[in-house]
């Protein structure tokens, strides 16, 4: 899978967040809490993410790949398109 496909996958998912920690690890998270964003314009928000330890990866690419694989397993398929 190329970078374009990874970014296209991420862009199509509302509420998914690409986050990093202070140790340089990356994860995709859809779990957490935030105040409701304004639909008309961007506003400052406060966000809390939930990330399982196994979701932290050493690169952005690997974090996206893990999230895609997790989604496929939950959907009952294992083939990355």
N, C-alpha and C. Protein backbone atom coordinates (compact mmCIF):
# COMPACT_ATOMS: atom_id res chain seq x y z
N UNK A 1 0.84 -1.17 0.00
CA UNK A 1 0.00 0.00 0.00
C UNK A 1 0.89 1.24 0.00
N UNK A 2 0.55 2.18 -0.85
CA UNK A 2 1.33 3.40 -0.94
C UNK A 2 0.82 4.50 -0.01
N UNK A 3 1.60 5.57 0.08
CA UNK A 3 1.23 6.68 0.96
C UNK A 3 -0.09 7.33 0.57
N UNK A 4 -0.36 7.44 -0.74
CA UNK A 4 -1.62 8.04 -1.19
C UNK A 4 -2.80 7.23 -0.67
N UNK A 5 -2.72 5.92 -0.77
CA UNK A 5 -3.81 5.06 -0.30
C UNK A 5 -3.99 5.18 1.22
N UNK A 6 -2.87 5.27 1.92
CA UNK A 6 -2.95 5.43 3.38
C UNK A 6 -3.65 6.74 3.74
N UNK A 7 -3.24 7.83 3.09
CA UNK A 7 -3.84 9.13 3.39
C UNK A 7 -5.30 9.18 2.96
N UNK A 8 -5.62 8.58 1.81
CA UNK A 8 -7.02 8.52 1.37
C UNK A 8 -7.87 7.77 2.39
N UNK A 9 -7.34 6.66 2.92
CA UNK A 9 -8.07 5.87 3.92
C UNK A 9 -8.34 6.73 5.15
N UNK A 10 -7.31 7.42 5.64
CA UNK A 10 -7.44 8.23 6.85
C UNK A 10 -8.39 9.41 6.62
N UNK A 11 -8.30 10.04 5.46
CA UNK A 11 -9.11 11.21 5.15
C UNK A 11 -10.61 10.88 5.11
N UNK A 12 -10.96 9.65 4.78
CA UNK A 12 -12.36 9.25 4.66
C UNK A 12 -13.00 8.93 6.01
N UNK A 13 -12.26 8.98 7.08
CA UNK A 13 -12.77 8.59 8.39
C UNK A 13 -12.89 9.80 9.32
N UNK A 14 -14.13 10.26 9.48
CA UNK A 14 -14.38 11.36 10.42
C UNK A 14 -14.10 10.88 11.84
N UNK A 15 -13.46 11.69 12.61
CA UNK A 15 -13.22 11.36 14.01
C UNK A 15 -11.96 10.56 14.27
N UNK A 16 -11.27 10.12 13.24
CA UNK A 16 -10.00 9.40 13.42
C UNK A 16 -8.91 10.45 13.63
N UNK A 17 -7.99 10.16 14.52
CA UNK A 17 -6.92 11.10 14.82
C UNK A 17 -5.56 10.42 14.67
N UNK A 18 -4.66 11.07 13.96
CA UNK A 18 -3.27 10.65 13.88
C UNK A 18 -2.54 11.42 14.98
N UNK A 19 -2.02 10.69 15.96
CA UNK A 19 -1.39 11.36 17.10
C UNK A 19 0.00 10.79 17.35
N UNK A 20 0.83 11.59 18.00
CA UNK A 20 2.17 11.12 18.38
C UNK A 20 2.36 11.37 19.87
N UNK A 21 3.28 10.58 20.45
CA UNK A 21 3.61 10.80 21.86
C UNK A 21 5.00 11.42 21.97
N UNK A 22 5.43 11.73 23.17
CA UNK A 22 6.72 12.38 23.38
C UNK A 22 7.91 11.47 23.10
N UNK A 23 7.65 10.19 22.88
CA UNK A 23 8.73 9.24 22.57
C UNK A 23 8.86 9.00 21.07
N UNK A 24 8.10 9.73 20.26
CA UNK A 24 8.20 9.61 18.81
C UNK A 24 7.36 8.49 18.22
N UNK A 25 6.45 7.92 19.00
CA UNK A 25 5.57 6.87 18.49
C UNK A 25 4.31 7.51 17.91
N UNK A 26 3.66 6.76 17.01
CA UNK A 26 2.47 7.23 16.32
C UNK A 26 1.33 6.24 16.49
N UNK A 27 0.09 6.76 16.48
CA UNK A 27 -1.09 5.91 16.57
C UNK A 27 -2.27 6.60 15.89
N UNK A 28 -3.22 5.79 15.47
CA UNK A 28 -4.50 6.28 14.98
C UNK A 28 -5.51 5.96 16.06
N UNK A 29 -6.29 6.94 16.46
CA UNK A 29 -7.29 6.71 17.50
C UNK A 29 -8.64 7.25 17.05
N UNK A 30 -9.68 6.48 17.32
CA UNK A 30 -11.04 6.97 17.09
C UNK A 30 -11.79 7.06 18.42
N UNK A 31 -11.12 6.65 19.49
CA UNK A 31 -11.75 6.69 20.80
C UNK A 31 -11.27 7.88 21.60
N UNK A 32 -12.19 8.52 22.26
CA UNK A 32 -11.82 9.65 23.09
C UNK A 32 -13.00 10.58 23.30
N UNK A 33 -12.70 11.76 23.78
CA UNK A 33 -13.74 12.74 24.04
C UNK A 33 -13.25 14.12 23.61
N UNK A 34 -14.18 14.93 23.15
CA UNK A 34 -13.88 16.32 22.83
C UNK A 34 -15.18 17.11 22.87
N UNK A 35 -15.04 18.43 22.98
CA UNK A 35 -16.24 19.24 22.87
C UNK A 35 -16.72 19.19 21.42
N UNK A 36 -17.98 19.46 21.20
CA UNK A 36 -18.55 19.35 19.86
C UNK A 36 -18.00 20.46 18.98
N UNK A 37 -17.39 20.09 17.83
CA UNK A 37 -16.85 21.12 16.95
C UNK A 37 -17.96 21.90 16.26
N UNK A 38 -17.66 23.14 15.92
CA UNK A 38 -18.58 24.00 15.20
C UNK A 38 -18.53 23.62 13.73
N UNK A 39 -19.66 23.37 13.12
CA UNK A 39 -19.70 22.95 11.72
C UNK A 39 -19.37 24.10 10.76
N UNK A 40 -19.57 25.33 11.19
CA UNK A 40 -19.39 26.47 10.30
C UNK A 40 -17.94 26.93 10.17
N UNK A 41 -17.18 26.82 11.25
CA UNK A 41 -15.79 27.27 11.21
C UNK A 41 -14.97 26.49 12.23
N UNK A 42 -13.68 26.48 12.02
CA UNK A 42 -12.78 25.79 12.95
C UNK A 42 -12.72 26.56 14.26
N UNK A 43 -12.76 25.81 15.37
CA UNK A 43 -12.66 26.42 16.69
C UNK A 43 -11.63 25.66 17.51
N UNK A 44 -11.17 26.24 18.58
CA UNK A 44 -10.26 25.55 19.49
C UNK A 44 -11.05 24.50 20.26
N UNK A 45 -10.47 23.31 20.38
CA UNK A 45 -11.14 22.24 21.12
C UNK A 45 -10.15 21.61 22.09
N UNK A 46 -10.68 20.91 23.05
CA UNK A 46 -9.89 20.13 23.98
C UNK A 46 -10.23 18.67 23.72
N UNK A 47 -9.21 17.84 23.51
CA UNK A 47 -9.44 16.45 23.12
C UNK A 47 -8.67 15.51 24.03
N UNK A 48 -9.31 14.39 24.37
CA UNK A 48 -8.69 13.31 25.14
C UNK A 48 -8.78 12.06 24.29
N UNK A 49 -7.64 11.41 24.02
CA UNK A 49 -7.61 10.20 23.19
C UNK A 49 -7.40 8.97 24.04
N UNK A 50 -7.99 7.85 23.61
CA UNK A 50 -7.73 6.55 24.19
C UNK A 50 -6.93 5.75 23.17
N UNK A 51 -5.75 5.27 23.55
CA UNK A 51 -4.89 4.50 22.65
C UNK A 51 -4.41 3.25 23.38
N UNK A 52 -4.65 2.09 22.78
CA UNK A 52 -4.12 0.85 23.35
C UNK A 52 -2.62 0.79 23.08
N UNK A 53 -1.87 0.18 23.99
CA UNK A 53 -0.42 0.12 23.86
C UNK A 53 0.02 -0.51 22.54
N UNK A 54 -0.70 -1.52 22.07
CA UNK A 54 -0.31 -2.20 20.82
C UNK A 54 -0.51 -1.32 19.59
N UNK A 55 -1.27 -0.24 19.72
CA UNK A 55 -1.50 0.65 18.58
C UNK A 55 -0.36 1.64 18.34
N UNK A 56 0.51 1.85 19.33
CA UNK A 56 1.64 2.76 19.16
C UNK A 56 2.66 2.12 18.23
N UNK A 57 3.08 2.86 17.20
CA UNK A 57 4.01 2.36 16.20
C UNK A 57 5.14 3.36 15.99
N UNK A 58 6.28 2.89 15.47
CA UNK A 58 7.43 3.78 15.30
C UNK A 58 7.32 4.76 14.12
N UNK A 59 6.33 4.55 13.23
CA UNK A 59 6.19 5.46 12.09
C UNK A 59 4.72 5.73 11.79
N UNK A 60 4.47 6.83 11.09
CA UNK A 60 3.11 7.16 10.68
C UNK A 60 2.55 6.06 9.79
N UNK A 61 3.35 5.60 8.84
CA UNK A 61 2.89 4.55 7.93
C UNK A 61 2.45 3.30 8.69
N UNK A 62 3.28 2.87 9.63
CA UNK A 62 2.94 1.66 10.40
C UNK A 62 1.70 1.88 11.25
N UNK A 63 1.52 3.07 11.79
CA UNK A 63 0.33 3.36 12.59
C UNK A 63 -0.93 3.26 11.74
N UNK A 64 -0.88 3.81 10.53
CA UNK A 64 -2.03 3.72 9.63
C UNK A 64 -2.27 2.28 9.22
N UNK A 65 -1.20 1.54 8.90
CA UNK A 65 -1.36 0.13 8.51
C UNK A 65 -1.99 -0.70 9.63
N UNK A 66 -1.58 -0.46 10.87
CA UNK A 66 -2.15 -1.18 12.01
C UNK A 66 -3.64 -0.85 12.14
N UNK A 67 -4.00 0.42 11.98
CA UNK A 67 -5.41 0.82 12.08
C UNK A 67 -6.24 0.20 10.96
N UNK A 68 -5.68 0.14 9.75
CA UNK A 68 -6.39 -0.49 8.63
C UNK A 68 -6.59 -1.97 8.90
N UNK A 69 -5.53 -2.63 9.34
CA UNK A 69 -5.62 -4.07 9.64
C UNK A 69 -6.65 -4.33 10.74
N UNK A 70 -6.65 -3.50 11.76
CA UNK A 70 -7.61 -3.65 12.86
C UNK A 70 -9.05 -3.50 12.35
N UNK A 71 -9.26 -2.53 11.47
CA UNK A 71 -10.59 -2.32 10.88
C UNK A 71 -11.02 -3.53 10.05
N UNK A 72 -10.10 -4.09 9.28
CA UNK A 72 -10.41 -5.25 8.46
C UNK A 72 -10.75 -6.47 9.31
N UNK A 73 -10.00 -6.69 10.37
CA UNK A 73 -10.28 -7.82 11.27
C UNK A 73 -11.66 -7.65 11.90
N UNK A 74 -11.98 -6.44 12.34
CA UNK A 74 -13.29 -6.19 12.94
C UNK A 74 -14.41 -6.39 11.94
N UNK A 75 -14.13 -6.14 10.65
CA UNK A 75 -15.13 -6.31 9.59
C UNK A 75 -15.21 -7.76 9.11
N UNK A 76 -14.28 -8.60 9.57
CA UNK A 76 -14.31 -10.01 9.20
C UNK A 76 -13.56 -10.34 7.93
N UNK A 77 -12.69 -9.45 7.48
CA UNK A 77 -11.86 -9.71 6.30
C UNK A 77 -10.41 -9.42 6.66
N UNK A 78 -9.49 -9.92 5.89
CA UNK A 78 -8.07 -9.68 6.19
C UNK A 78 -7.29 -9.17 4.99
N UNK A 79 -7.99 -8.81 3.93
CA UNK A 79 -7.29 -8.39 2.71
C UNK A 79 -7.25 -6.87 2.63
N UNK A 80 -6.05 -6.32 2.63
CA UNK A 80 -5.87 -4.88 2.44
C UNK A 80 -5.96 -4.60 0.95
N UNK A 81 -6.86 -3.69 0.57
CA UNK A 81 -7.08 -3.37 -0.85
C UNK A 81 -6.18 -2.24 -1.25
